[in-house]
Amino acid sequence: MGEPAEEGDLARVRADAEFRRQLLTESLERLLAALNRARITAGEPKPTQQLREGVDLALELADRLQR
């Protein structure tokens, strides 16, 4: 998966609507890919844990973007 957003990215997101859409699009695409991988490998504990971590990171990013 991609790297978490850094503080510089978050500052740019607040000022640049196009960059915000791009960052959110890329994040959602990574999340959807992870969901598809988890669906394919259902029942395996490691992908499920990684998916939970990815969702937690997505929620953290969304929270930071709203500040």
Protein backbone atom coordinates (compact mmCIF):
# COMPACT_ATOMS: atom_id res chain seq x y z
CA MET A 1 0.00 0.00 0.00
CA GLY A 2 0.99 3.62 -0.35
CA GLU A 3 2.55 5.76 2.30
CA PRO A 4 0.33 7.61 4.78
CA ALA A 5 -0.25 11.27 4.07
CA GLU A 6 2.36 13.54 5.58
CA GLU A 7 1.79 16.88 7.27
CA GLY A 8 2.93 18.76 4.14
CA ASP A 9 0.35 16.90 2.08
CA LEU A 10 -2.33 17.73 4.62
CA ALA A 11 -1.50 21.43 4.49
CA ARG A 12 -1.65 21.34 0.69
CA VAL A 13 -4.97 19.45 0.80
CA ARG A 14 -6.53 22.23 2.82
CA ALA A 15 -5.52 24.83 0.22
CA ASP A 16 -5.78 22.86 -3.05
CA ALA A 17 -9.13 21.25 -3.87
CA GLU A 18 -7.75 19.39 -6.91
CA PHE A 19 -4.93 17.85 -4.84
CA ARG A 20 -7.49 16.90 -2.16
CA ARG A 21 -9.58 15.04 -4.77
CA GLN A 22 -6.46 13.33 -6.13
CA LEU A 23 -5.30 12.21 -2.66
CA LEU A 24 -8.75 10.96 -1.71
CA THR A 25 -9.14 9.13 -5.04
CA GLU A 26 -5.79 7.38 -4.62
CA SER A 27 -6.60 6.47 -1.01
CA LEU A 28 -9.99 5.05 -1.95
CA GLU A 29 -8.49 3.06 -4.82
CA ARG A 30 -5.97 1.50 -2.41
CA LEU A 31 -8.75 0.75 0.06
CA LEU A 32 -10.90 -0.89 -2.64
CA ALA A 33 -7.94 -2.98 -3.78
CA ALA A 34 -7.39 -4.12 -0.20
CA LEU A 35 -11.07 -4.99 0.16
CA ASN A 36 -10.93 -7.07 -3.01
CA ARG A 37 -7.80 -8.89 -1.83
CA ALA A 38 -9.44 -9.58 1.53
CA ARG A 39 -12.56 -10.88 -0.19
CA ILE A 40 -10.48 -13.26 -2.29
CA THR A 41 -8.46 -14.49 0.69
CA ALA A 42 -11.35 -14.56 3.17
CA GLY A 43 -10.65 -16.62 6.23
CA GLU A 44 -6.96 -15.80 6.38
CA PRO A 45 -6.28 -13.72 9.52
CA LYS A 46 -3.33 -11.65 8.20
CA PRO A 47 -5.16 -9.94 5.29
CA THR A 48 -8.11 -9.24 7.57
CA GLN A 49 -5.85 -7.55 10.12
CA GLN A 50 -4.14 -5.55 7.38
CA LEU A 51 -7.52 -4.45 6.07
CA ARG A 52 -8.52 -3.25 9.54
CA GLU A 53 -5.29 -1.29 9.77
CA GLY A 54 -5.96 0.23 6.34
CA VAL A 55 -9.45 1.29 7.36
CA ASP A 56 -8.05 2.82 10.55
CA LEU A 57 -5.53 4.80 8.48
CA ALA A 58 -8.26 5.93 6.06
CA LEU A 59 -10.36 7.17 8.99
CA GLU A 60 -7.36 8.97 10.47
CA LEU A 61 -6.69 10.67 7.13
CA ALA A 62 -10.33 11.70 6.77
CA ASP A 63 -10.25 13.14 10.30
CA ARG A 64 -7.08 15.12 9.57
CA LEU A 65 -8.51 16.47 6.32
CA GLN A 66 -11.57 17.79 8.12
CA ARG A 67 -9.55 19.80 10.68
